[in-house]
């Protein structure tokens, strides 16, 4: 452990921990160092990354501590964003197998509807499966898509556009 602290020498260290692999025949080690200030973190990355130490090259990366409260808040935000995306997503069926994501997006954008993402699942040969999901920029865009594009003839097939939330 003293070797790692001596090697570091880039700034004041709060905590340094060294872990050795428990796998048989694997002598690799991983260390975690908590510095007292941001300048030391930056200096460690600049001066020690890819530097040779005990016959191995070091990899130095910065990780930011996230408190349990912040982690919980981030999880809530992710769930809200997923829920929001679901509320703006349409299920599109009866899509011609030859139609790709760009063509589906063009169907909606040509009607003035803003698209965020198009997903058309493919089978093992890479051919479209005849359906997909389109996430719009807003719920109003979803509403307009259902009203204006549902039952439209695309590549010889009449597509169906419905809110994916209706499929639950």
N, C-alpha and C. Protein backbone atom coordinates (compact mmCIF):
# COMPACT_ATOMS: atom_id res chain seq x y z
N UNK A 1 0.83 -1.19 0.00
CA UNK A 1 0.00 0.00 0.00
C UNK A 1 0.88 1.25 0.00
N UNK A 2 1.98 1.21 0.73
CA UNK A 2 2.87 2.37 0.75
C UNK A 2 3.39 2.69 -0.64
N UNK A 3 3.62 1.61 -1.48
CA UNK A 3 4.09 1.84 -2.84
C UNK A 3 3.08 2.67 -3.63
N UNK A 4 1.82 2.35 -3.47
CA UNK A 4 0.80 3.07 -4.24
C UNK A 4 0.74 4.52 -3.79
N UNK A 5 0.84 4.78 -2.51
CA UNK A 5 0.79 6.16 -2.02
C UNK A 5 2.04 6.91 -2.48
N UNK A 6 3.19 6.24 -2.46
CA UNK A 6 4.43 6.87 -2.92
C UNK A 6 4.33 7.16 -4.42
N UNK A 7 3.81 6.20 -5.18
CA UNK A 7 3.68 6.37 -6.62
C UNK A 7 2.77 7.55 -6.93
N UNK A 8 1.71 7.64 -6.20
CA UNK A 8 0.72 8.66 -6.50
C UNK A 8 1.36 10.04 -6.43
N UNK A 9 1.79 10.46 -5.29
CA UNK A 9 2.53 11.69 -5.12
C UNK A 9 2.03 12.89 -5.91
N UNK A 10 0.77 12.88 -6.31
CA UNK A 10 0.25 13.98 -7.11
C UNK A 10 -0.60 14.94 -6.30
N UNK A 11 -0.84 14.60 -5.06
CA UNK A 11 -1.65 15.46 -4.21
C UNK A 11 -2.07 14.72 -2.97
N UNK A 12 -2.68 15.43 -2.04
CA UNK A 12 -3.07 14.82 -0.77
C UNK A 12 -4.14 13.73 -0.96
N UNK A 13 -3.90 12.57 -0.34
CA UNK A 13 -4.78 11.41 -0.45
C UNK A 13 -5.60 11.27 0.83
N UNK A 14 -6.91 11.09 0.69
CA UNK A 14 -7.77 10.81 1.84
C UNK A 14 -7.73 9.32 2.15
N UNK A 15 -8.00 8.50 1.11
CA UNK A 15 -8.09 7.05 1.28
C UNK A 15 -7.49 6.38 0.06
N UNK A 16 -6.76 5.29 0.28
CA UNK A 16 -6.25 4.47 -0.83
C UNK A 16 -6.49 3.02 -0.48
N UNK A 17 -7.10 2.27 -1.41
CA UNK A 17 -7.38 0.85 -1.19
C UNK A 17 -6.87 0.08 -2.39
N UNK A 18 -6.29 -1.08 -2.14
CA UNK A 18 -5.76 -1.93 -3.19
C UNK A 18 -6.40 -3.30 -3.06
N UNK A 19 -6.92 -3.81 -4.17
CA UNK A 19 -7.58 -5.11 -4.19
C UNK A 19 -6.85 -6.02 -5.16
N UNK A 20 -6.59 -7.26 -4.74
CA UNK A 20 -5.94 -8.25 -5.59
C UNK A 20 -6.99 -9.27 -6.01
N UNK A 21 -6.92 -9.68 -7.28
CA UNK A 21 -7.88 -10.65 -7.81
C UNK A 21 -7.82 -11.95 -7.01
N UNK A 22 -8.99 -12.55 -6.79
CA UNK A 22 -9.06 -13.82 -6.06
C UNK A 22 -9.09 -15.01 -7.01
N UNK A 23 -9.07 -14.73 -8.33
CA UNK A 23 -9.08 -15.82 -9.31
C UNK A 23 -7.71 -16.49 -9.32
N UNK A 24 -7.69 -17.82 -9.33
CA UNK A 24 -6.41 -18.54 -9.37
C UNK A 24 -5.59 -18.14 -10.59
N UNK A 25 -4.30 -17.84 -10.35
CA UNK A 25 -3.40 -17.50 -11.44
C UNK A 25 -3.51 -16.07 -11.93
N UNK A 26 -4.43 -15.29 -11.35
CA UNK A 26 -4.61 -13.89 -11.77
C UNK A 26 -4.05 -13.00 -10.67
N UNK A 27 -2.94 -12.34 -10.98
CA UNK A 27 -2.30 -11.47 -9.99
C UNK A 27 -2.66 -10.00 -10.18
N UNK A 28 -3.68 -9.73 -10.98
CA UNK A 28 -4.03 -8.33 -11.24
C UNK A 28 -4.55 -7.65 -9.98
N UNK A 29 -4.34 -6.35 -9.96
CA UNK A 29 -4.76 -5.56 -8.81
C UNK A 29 -5.54 -4.34 -9.29
N UNK A 30 -6.47 -3.93 -8.47
CA UNK A 30 -7.25 -2.74 -8.72
C UNK A 30 -7.15 -1.86 -7.50
N UNK A 31 -6.94 -0.59 -7.72
CA UNK A 31 -6.84 0.33 -6.60
C UNK A 31 -7.84 1.47 -6.73
N UNK A 32 -8.28 1.96 -5.61
CA UNK A 32 -9.16 3.12 -5.56
C UNK A 32 -8.50 4.15 -4.65
N UNK A 33 -8.42 5.36 -5.16
CA UNK A 33 -7.79 6.43 -4.38
C UNK A 33 -8.75 7.60 -4.31
N UNK A 34 -8.97 8.08 -3.10
CA UNK A 34 -9.79 9.27 -2.93
C UNK A 34 -8.86 10.41 -2.55
N UNK A 35 -8.84 11.42 -3.39
CA UNK A 35 -8.00 12.58 -3.14
C UNK A 35 -8.78 13.63 -2.36
N UNK A 36 -8.05 14.54 -1.77
CA UNK A 36 -8.68 15.60 -0.99
C UNK A 36 -9.20 16.74 -1.84
N UNK A 37 -8.76 16.83 -3.09
CA UNK A 37 -9.23 17.93 -3.94
C UNK A 37 -9.25 17.51 -5.41
N UNK A 38 -9.99 18.28 -6.21
CA UNK A 38 -10.17 18.00 -7.64
C UNK A 38 -8.86 18.14 -8.42
N UNK A 39 -8.02 19.09 -8.04
CA UNK A 39 -6.76 19.31 -8.75
C UNK A 39 -5.90 18.04 -8.71
N UNK A 40 -5.91 17.35 -7.58
CA UNK A 40 -5.13 16.12 -7.45
C UNK A 40 -5.68 15.02 -8.35
N UNK A 41 -6.99 14.98 -8.50
CA UNK A 41 -7.61 13.99 -9.39
C UNK A 41 -7.14 14.24 -10.82
N UNK A 42 -7.24 15.49 -11.27
CA UNK A 42 -6.81 15.84 -12.63
C UNK A 42 -5.33 15.55 -12.84
N UNK A 43 -4.53 15.87 -11.85
CA UNK A 43 -3.09 15.63 -11.95
C UNK A 43 -2.79 14.14 -12.03
N UNK A 44 -3.50 13.33 -11.24
CA UNK A 44 -3.30 11.87 -11.28
C UNK A 44 -3.62 11.32 -12.66
N UNK A 45 -4.71 11.78 -13.24
CA UNK A 45 -5.08 11.30 -14.57
C UNK A 45 -4.01 11.70 -15.59
N UNK A 46 -3.60 12.96 -15.56
CA UNK A 46 -2.62 13.45 -16.53
C UNK A 46 -1.24 12.83 -16.37
N UNK A 47 -0.82 12.61 -15.14
CA UNK A 47 0.55 12.14 -14.90
C UNK A 47 0.69 10.63 -14.77
N UNK A 48 -0.38 9.92 -14.40
CA UNK A 48 -0.23 8.50 -14.10
C UNK A 48 -0.91 7.56 -15.09
N UNK A 49 -1.88 8.05 -15.85
CA UNK A 49 -2.57 7.17 -16.78
C UNK A 49 -1.57 6.62 -17.80
N UNK A 50 -1.60 5.31 -17.98
CA UNK A 50 -0.74 4.55 -18.89
C UNK A 50 0.73 4.54 -18.46
N UNK A 51 1.01 4.96 -17.22
CA UNK A 51 2.38 4.90 -16.70
C UNK A 51 2.65 3.48 -16.22
N UNK A 52 3.87 3.00 -16.41
CA UNK A 52 4.24 1.66 -15.98
C UNK A 52 4.48 1.64 -14.47
N UNK A 53 3.93 0.62 -13.81
CA UNK A 53 4.08 0.46 -12.37
C UNK A 53 4.14 -1.03 -12.07
N UNK A 54 5.24 -1.49 -11.47
CA UNK A 54 5.43 -2.91 -11.17
C UNK A 54 5.22 -3.80 -12.39
N UNK A 55 5.67 -3.33 -13.56
CA UNK A 55 5.57 -4.13 -14.77
C UNK A 55 4.23 -4.08 -15.47
N UNK A 56 3.31 -3.28 -15.00
CA UNK A 56 1.99 -3.16 -15.64
C UNK A 56 1.69 -1.69 -15.91
N UNK A 57 0.91 -1.46 -16.96
CA UNK A 57 0.48 -0.09 -17.25
C UNK A 57 -0.73 0.25 -16.39
N UNK A 58 -0.70 1.44 -15.82
CA UNK A 58 -1.81 1.90 -15.01
C UNK A 58 -2.91 2.48 -15.90
N UNK A 59 -4.13 2.30 -15.48
CA UNK A 59 -5.26 2.99 -16.09
C UNK A 59 -5.87 3.84 -14.99
N UNK A 60 -5.90 5.14 -15.21
CA UNK A 60 -6.39 6.06 -14.19
C UNK A 60 -7.62 6.77 -14.74
N UNK A 61 -8.73 6.63 -14.02
CA UNK A 61 -9.99 7.25 -14.41
C UNK A 61 -10.58 7.97 -13.21
N UNK A 62 -11.37 8.98 -13.47
CA UNK A 62 -12.06 9.71 -12.40
C UNK A 62 -13.46 9.15 -12.23
N UNK A 63 -13.83 8.91 -11.03
CA UNK A 63 -15.19 8.51 -10.69
C UNK A 63 -15.72 9.49 -9.67
N UNK A 64 -16.91 9.95 -9.88
CA UNK A 64 -17.50 10.91 -8.97
C UNK A 64 -18.41 10.17 -7.99
N UNK A 65 -18.29 10.50 -6.74
CA UNK A 65 -19.12 9.90 -5.70
C UNK A 65 -20.55 10.39 -5.88
N UNK A 66 -21.47 9.47 -5.80
CA UNK A 66 -22.89 9.81 -5.86
C UNK A 66 -23.51 9.33 -4.56
N UNK A 67 -24.07 10.27 -3.83
CA UNK A 67 -24.69 9.92 -2.54
C UNK A 67 -25.91 9.04 -2.79
N UNK A 68 -26.31 8.26 -1.78
CA UNK A 68 -27.51 7.44 -1.93
C UNK A 68 -28.74 8.27 -2.29
N UNK A 69 -28.82 9.49 -1.77
CA UNK A 69 -29.96 10.36 -2.08
C UNK A 69 -29.95 10.77 -3.56
N UNK A 70 -28.75 11.13 -4.06
CA UNK A 70 -28.63 11.52 -5.47
C UNK A 70 -28.90 10.32 -6.38
N UNK A 71 -28.43 9.14 -5.98
CA UNK A 71 -28.67 7.94 -6.77
C UNK A 71 -30.17 7.65 -6.85
N UNK A 72 -30.87 7.80 -5.75
CA UNK A 72 -32.32 7.57 -5.73
C UNK A 72 -33.03 8.60 -6.61
N UNK A 73 -32.59 9.86 -6.55
CA UNK A 73 -33.20 10.91 -7.37
C UNK A 73 -32.97 10.63 -8.86
N UNK A 74 -31.76 10.18 -9.20
CA UNK A 74 -31.47 9.84 -10.60
C UNK A 74 -32.35 8.69 -11.08
N UNK A 75 -32.57 7.72 -10.21
CA UNK A 75 -33.42 6.58 -10.58
C UNK A 75 -34.84 7.05 -10.85
N UNK A 76 -35.35 7.92 -10.01
CA UNK A 76 -36.70 8.47 -10.20
C UNK A 76 -36.76 9.22 -11.53
N UNK A 77 -35.74 10.01 -11.84
CA UNK A 77 -35.70 10.75 -13.10
C UNK A 77 -35.70 9.80 -14.30
N UNK A 78 -34.89 8.72 -14.22
CA UNK A 78 -34.84 7.74 -15.32
C UNK A 78 -36.20 7.10 -15.53
N UNK A 79 -36.86 6.72 -14.43
CA UNK A 79 -38.18 6.11 -14.54
C UNK A 79 -39.19 7.09 -15.12
N UNK A 80 -39.11 8.36 -14.70
CA UNK A 80 -40.01 9.38 -15.24
C UNK A 80 -39.78 9.54 -16.74
N UNK A 81 -38.51 9.58 -17.15
CA UNK A 81 -38.20 9.73 -18.57
C UNK A 81 -38.70 8.54 -19.38
N UNK A 82 -38.54 7.32 -18.84
CA UNK A 82 -39.07 6.13 -19.52
C UNK A 82 -40.58 6.20 -19.65
N UNK A 83 -41.23 6.60 -18.56
CA UNK A 83 -42.68 6.70 -18.57
C UNK A 83 -43.13 7.77 -19.56
N UNK A 84 -42.42 8.89 -19.58
CA UNK A 84 -42.73 9.97 -20.51
C UNK A 84 -42.56 9.50 -21.95
N UNK A 85 -41.49 8.76 -22.24
CA UNK A 85 -41.26 8.27 -23.60
C UNK A 85 -42.37 7.30 -24.00
N UNK A 86 -42.80 6.44 -23.07
CA UNK A 86 -43.89 5.51 -23.38
C UNK A 86 -45.17 6.27 -23.73
N UNK A 87 -45.39 7.39 -23.06
CA UNK A 87 -46.59 8.18 -23.29
C UNK A 87 -46.53 8.91 -24.63
N UNK A 88 -45.35 8.93 -25.27
CA UNK A 88 -45.19 9.59 -26.57
C UNK A 88 -44.89 8.59 -27.68
N UNK A 89 -45.10 7.30 -27.43
CA UNK A 89 -44.72 6.26 -28.38
C UNK A 89 -45.94 5.61 -29.02
N UNK A 90 -45.84 5.40 -30.33
CA UNK A 90 -46.90 4.73 -31.08
C UNK A 90 -46.43 3.35 -31.52
N UNK A 91 -47.38 2.43 -31.57
CA UNK A 91 -47.16 1.11 -32.16
C UNK A 91 -47.62 1.23 -33.60
N UNK A 92 -46.76 0.90 -34.53
CA UNK A 92 -47.08 0.99 -35.95
C UNK A 92 -47.06 -0.43 -36.51
N UNK A 93 -48.19 -0.85 -37.06
CA UNK A 93 -48.28 -2.22 -37.58
C UNK A 93 -48.62 -2.24 -39.06
N UNK A 94 -48.46 -3.42 -39.64
CA UNK A 94 -48.69 -3.67 -41.07
C UNK A 94 -47.70 -2.90 -41.94
N UNK A 95 -46.48 -2.75 -41.44
CA UNK A 95 -45.42 -2.06 -42.16
C UNK A 95 -44.84 -3.04 -43.18
N UNK A 96 -44.68 -2.60 -44.42
CA UNK A 96 -44.08 -3.46 -45.45
C UNK A 96 -42.68 -3.89 -45.00
N UNK A 97 -42.34 -5.13 -45.26
CA UNK A 97 -41.05 -5.68 -44.81
C UNK A 97 -39.86 -4.92 -45.41
N UNK A 98 -40.05 -4.31 -46.56
CA UNK A 98 -38.97 -3.60 -47.23
C UNK A 98 -38.73 -2.19 -46.68
N UNK A 99 -39.65 -1.69 -45.88
CA UNK A 99 -39.56 -0.32 -45.36
C UNK A 99 -38.57 -0.28 -44.19
N UNK A 100 -37.69 0.75 -44.18
CA UNK A 100 -36.71 0.87 -43.08
C UNK A 100 -37.08 2.05 -42.16
N UNK A 101 -36.26 2.23 -41.12
CA UNK A 101 -36.52 3.28 -40.13
C UNK A 101 -36.59 4.67 -40.75
N UNK A 102 -35.69 4.95 -41.69
CA UNK A 102 -35.68 6.28 -42.32
C UNK A 102 -36.98 6.54 -43.08
N UNK A 103 -37.49 5.53 -43.76
CA UNK A 103 -38.74 5.70 -44.50
C UNK A 103 -39.92 5.91 -43.56
N UNK A 104 -39.93 5.19 -42.44
CA UNK A 104 -41.01 5.38 -41.46
C UNK A 104 -40.94 6.79 -40.90
N UNK A 105 -39.74 7.24 -40.55
CA UNK A 105 -39.59 8.59 -40.02
C UNK A 105 -40.08 9.62 -41.04
N UNK A 106 -39.76 9.42 -42.31
CA UNK A 106 -40.17 10.35 -43.37
C UNK A 106 -41.70 10.42 -43.51
N UNK A 107 -42.37 9.31 -43.28
CA UNK A 107 -43.84 9.29 -43.34
C UNK A 107 -44.42 10.33 -42.38
N UNK A 108 -43.87 10.36 -41.17
CA UNK A 108 -44.38 11.27 -40.14
C UNK A 108 -43.87 12.70 -40.34
N UNK A 109 -42.58 12.85 -40.62
CA UNK A 109 -42.02 14.20 -40.75
C UNK A 109 -42.61 14.93 -41.95
N UNK A 110 -42.97 14.19 -43.01
CA UNK A 110 -43.58 14.85 -44.17
C UNK A 110 -44.96 15.41 -43.83
N UNK A 111 -45.54 14.91 -42.73
CA UNK A 111 -46.83 15.44 -42.27
C UNK A 111 -46.63 16.52 -41.21
N UNK A 112 -45.35 16.93 -41.00
CA UNK A 112 -45.05 17.97 -40.02
C UNK A 112 -45.04 17.47 -38.59
N UNK A 113 -44.87 16.16 -38.41
CA UNK A 113 -44.86 15.55 -37.08
C UNK A 113 -43.42 15.25 -36.70
N UNK A 114 -43.01 15.74 -35.51
CA UNK A 114 -41.62 15.57 -35.08
C UNK A 114 -41.39 14.20 -34.44
N UNK A 115 -40.40 13.48 -34.97
CA UNK A 115 -40.07 12.14 -34.50
C UNK A 115 -38.77 12.18 -33.71
N UNK A 116 -38.77 11.49 -32.58
CA UNK A 116 -37.56 11.38 -31.77
C UNK A 116 -36.79 10.11 -32.10
N UNK A 117 -37.53 8.99 -32.31
CA UNK A 117 -36.86 7.69 -32.50
C UNK A 117 -37.81 6.73 -33.21
N UNK A 118 -37.22 5.88 -34.08
CA UNK A 118 -37.97 4.83 -34.76
C UNK A 118 -37.26 3.51 -34.51
N UNK A 119 -38.03 2.50 -34.15
CA UNK A 119 -37.47 1.17 -33.92
C UNK A 119 -38.31 0.14 -34.68
N UNK A 120 -37.69 -0.52 -35.64
CA UNK A 120 -38.37 -1.58 -36.40
C UNK A 120 -37.63 -2.89 -36.15
N UNK A 121 -38.20 -3.76 -35.35
CA UNK A 121 -37.53 -5.04 -35.09
C UNK A 121 -37.35 -5.83 -36.39
N UNK A 122 -36.26 -6.59 -36.43
CA UNK A 122 -35.96 -7.41 -37.61
C UNK A 122 -35.85 -8.87 -37.19
N UNK A 123 -36.09 -9.75 -38.15
CA UNK A 123 -35.93 -11.18 -37.85
C UNK A 123 -34.46 -11.57 -38.00
N UNK A 124 -34.15 -12.85 -37.83
CA UNK A 124 -32.76 -13.31 -37.86
C UNK A 124 -32.08 -13.09 -39.21
N UNK A 125 -32.84 -12.93 -40.28
CA UNK A 125 -32.25 -12.68 -41.60
C UNK A 125 -32.08 -11.19 -41.88
N UNK A 126 -32.56 -10.34 -40.97
CA UNK A 126 -32.42 -8.90 -41.14
C UNK A 126 -33.62 -8.24 -41.80
N UNK A 127 -34.63 -9.02 -42.11
CA UNK A 127 -35.83 -8.48 -42.73
C UNK A 127 -36.75 -7.93 -41.64
N UNK A 128 -37.45 -6.83 -41.95
CA UNK A 128 -38.39 -6.24 -41.01
C UNK A 128 -39.48 -7.24 -40.63
N UNK A 129 -40.04 -7.08 -39.44
CA UNK A 129 -41.07 -8.00 -38.96
C UNK A 129 -42.48 -7.46 -39.18
N UNK A 130 -42.59 -6.29 -39.82
CA UNK A 130 -43.90 -5.78 -40.15
C UNK A 130 -44.52 -4.86 -39.11
N UNK A 131 -43.77 -4.51 -38.09
CA UNK A 131 -44.28 -3.58 -37.08
C UNK A 131 -43.11 -2.82 -36.48
N UNK A 132 -43.43 -1.82 -35.68
CA UNK A 132 -42.38 -1.06 -35.01
C UNK A 132 -42.95 -0.08 -34.02
N UNK A 133 -42.05 0.69 -33.45
CA UNK A 133 -42.42 1.71 -32.46
C UNK A 133 -41.81 3.03 -32.87
N UNK A 134 -42.59 4.08 -32.75
CA UNK A 134 -42.12 5.43 -33.07
C UNK A 134 -42.36 6.30 -31.85
N UNK A 135 -41.29 6.91 -31.36
CA UNK A 135 -41.40 7.84 -30.23
C UNK A 135 -41.35 9.25 -30.80
N UNK A 136 -42.33 10.04 -30.41
CA UNK A 136 -42.47 11.40 -30.94
C UNK A 136 -41.92 12.41 -29.93
N UNK A 137 -41.70 13.63 -30.41
CA UNK A 137 -41.16 14.69 -29.55
C UNK A 137 -42.15 15.11 -28.47
N UNK A 138 -43.44 14.98 -28.75
CA UNK A 138 -44.45 15.40 -27.78
C UNK A 138 -45.68 14.50 -27.87
N UNK A 139 -46.51 14.59 -26.85
CA UNK A 139 -47.76 13.84 -26.89
C UNK A 139 -48.69 14.40 -27.97
N UNK A 140 -48.57 15.69 -28.26
CA UNK A 140 -49.36 16.27 -29.33
C UNK A 140 -48.95 15.67 -30.68
N UNK A 141 -47.63 15.45 -30.88
CA UNK A 141 -47.17 14.80 -32.11
C UNK A 141 -47.73 13.38 -32.21
N UNK A 142 -47.77 12.68 -31.09
CA UNK A 142 -48.37 11.33 -31.08
C UNK A 142 -49.84 11.40 -31.49
N UNK A 143 -50.58 12.32 -30.90
CA UNK A 143 -52.00 12.48 -31.23
C UNK A 143 -52.18 12.76 -32.72
N UNK A 144 -51.38 13.67 -33.25
CA UNK A 144 -51.45 14.00 -34.67
C UNK A 144 -51.09 12.80 -35.55
N UNK A 145 -50.10 12.02 -35.12
CA UNK A 145 -49.70 10.84 -35.89
C UNK A 145 -50.86 9.86 -36.01
N UNK A 146 -51.54 9.63 -34.90
CA UNK A 146 -52.69 8.71 -34.91
C UNK A 146 -53.79 9.27 -35.82
N UNK A 147 -54.06 10.56 -35.72
CA UNK A 147 -55.12 11.18 -36.51
C UNK A 147 -54.79 11.26 -38.00
N UNK A 148 -53.52 11.60 -38.33
CA UNK A 148 -53.18 11.92 -39.71
C UNK A 148 -52.51 10.78 -40.49
N UNK A 149 -51.86 9.86 -39.80
CA UNK A 149 -51.10 8.83 -40.52
C UNK A 149 -51.74 7.45 -40.39
N UNK A 150 -52.54 7.23 -39.38
CA UNK A 150 -53.23 5.94 -39.22
C UNK A 150 -54.03 5.64 -40.48
N UNK A 151 -53.98 4.40 -40.94
CA UNK A 151 -54.69 3.92 -42.14
C UNK A 151 -54.16 4.51 -43.45
N UNK A 152 -52.93 5.03 -43.41
CA UNK A 152 -52.32 5.56 -44.62
C UNK A 152 -51.66 4.42 -45.40
N UNK A 153 -51.75 4.46 -46.72
CA UNK A 153 -51.13 3.45 -47.58
C UNK A 153 -49.65 3.79 -47.74
N UNK A 154 -48.79 2.86 -47.29
CA UNK A 154 -47.35 3.04 -47.37
C UNK A 154 -46.76 1.79 -48.01
N UNK A 155 -46.14 1.95 -49.15
CA UNK A 155 -45.51 0.84 -49.87
C UNK A 155 -46.49 -0.31 -50.11
N UNK A 156 -47.72 0.06 -50.45
CA UNK A 156 -48.71 -0.95 -50.80
C UNK A 156 -49.42 -1.59 -49.62
N UNK A 157 -49.17 -1.10 -48.41
CA UNK A 157 -49.84 -1.65 -47.23
C UNK A 157 -50.45 -0.51 -46.42
N UNK A 158 -51.60 -0.76 -45.85
CA UNK A 158 -52.26 0.24 -45.01
C UNK A 158 -51.74 0.06 -43.58
N UNK A 159 -50.98 1.05 -43.11
CA UNK A 159 -50.40 0.93 -41.77
C UNK A 159 -51.40 1.36 -40.70
N UNK A 160 -51.21 0.81 -39.52
CA UNK A 160 -52.02 1.18 -38.36
C UNK A 160 -51.10 1.87 -37.35
N UNK A 161 -51.53 3.03 -36.86
CA UNK A 161 -50.76 3.79 -35.88
C UNK A 161 -51.64 3.95 -34.65
N UNK A 162 -51.16 3.44 -33.51
CA UNK A 162 -51.93 3.56 -32.28
C UNK A 162 -50.97 3.81 -31.12
N UNK A 163 -51.44 4.53 -30.10
CA UNK A 163 -50.58 4.77 -28.93
C UNK A 163 -50.14 3.44 -28.32
N UNK A 164 -48.84 3.29 -28.07
CA UNK A 164 -48.37 2.02 -27.50
C UNK A 164 -48.88 1.80 -26.10
N UNK A 165 -49.23 2.88 -25.37
CA UNK A 165 -49.77 2.76 -24.03
C UNK A 165 -51.08 1.97 -24.06
N UNK A 166 -51.81 2.00 -25.19
CA UNK A 166 -53.05 1.25 -25.33
C UNK A 166 -52.81 -0.25 -25.38
N UNK A 167 -51.57 -0.67 -25.60
CA UNK A 167 -51.24 -2.09 -25.76
C UNK A 167 -50.93 -2.77 -24.42
N UNK A 168 -50.93 -2.04 -23.32
CA UNK A 168 -50.59 -2.63 -22.00
C UNK A 168 -51.72 -3.45 -21.46
